[in-house]
Amino acid sequence: MTAREVVSRLSSGMTIGIGGWGSRRKPMALVRELLRSDVTDLTVVSYGGPDVGLLAAAGRIRKLVAAFVTLDSIPLEPHFRAARQRGAFELMELDEAMLMWGLHAAANRLPFLPVRAGIGSDVMRVNPVLRTVTSPYADGEEFVAMPALRMDAALVHMNRADRFGNGQYLGPDPYFDDLFCEAADTAYVSCERLVDTAELTEKAAPQTLLVKRHYVTGVVETPNGAHFTSCAPDHPRDEAFQRAYATAAADPAAWAEFGDRFLPAHGDEKSYQATVRTWHEEQR
């Protein structure tokens, strides 16, 4: 599929999961295409990074379910900070493990899973909808009943994929992209390079095949599609561009100029990548 075809399958009001972690291996090409559409009023589930920031800046989020929203080398995503300060959307802020078990519950078609994470913390206070359960066994321990985080669609980015939907990561961490795909009704995988199935295991171990084809609805080949986040070992995070992004986010006029240049409504991923290359040449 193309990124535009993927976004044409999405609609306002959906719950969308976005894989990756902070400013690492985010499906940014798909997020940018989503920004070019009129899809809005979204519930977003994410270990958040600039995916959340860009959607927040564009006013597309109704509710966010997240453990954090960070750019890693910049601790707090600036657009997320600004959106929260003005109360732009509802936030379900969770412990990282709680979010993971919410994905597990959805992937296993369970209404909830009991977890210790969250007990004794303000997570329960800031999320009054959460409930606890007591073990039916002799221990009688109390747990958080983490509700399933079921999603209409998941967007993830892989290093490699085949046209059947098998997705491979080659970096140091799988994050939870497989769970996002399994927990969603539909899942779309963007990848740095589309390869034949046999090539997936020629130089990498079988366990790197993180995303299984029976969970995947469509595949999009998007070289450098995680930019400006990292996608090791294919490319590191573009720290210079990330700094420019964060600097522009602090000033409405600067952000409008940034958006006009890099994220115009009439643009596409090819023009975005070309504009980024030109920007880097200007910085030399």
Foldseek 3Di string as FASTA:
>chain_A
DALLVVLVPDAAPFEEEWDDAALAQTLQQNLLSNLLDPHAQYEYEYNAYVSVLVCLVSLRYAEYEHQAHHNVVGRHQLSVVVCVVVVSHHYLHAHPVLSVQLLVCLLVVHQFDWDAGPPPDCSCVSVVVWDWDFDPDPVRDITIGRGHPAGAEYEGEAAEEEFLAFGFADDDDPGCRQSSLSNHPEYEYEHQYYDDPVVRPPPDPPPRRRHDSVSHDGYHYDRVSSPQGQRPPSGHHPVVVVVQQRVQSVDVVSVVVVCVQQRDSPDHSVSNVVSVVVVVVVVD
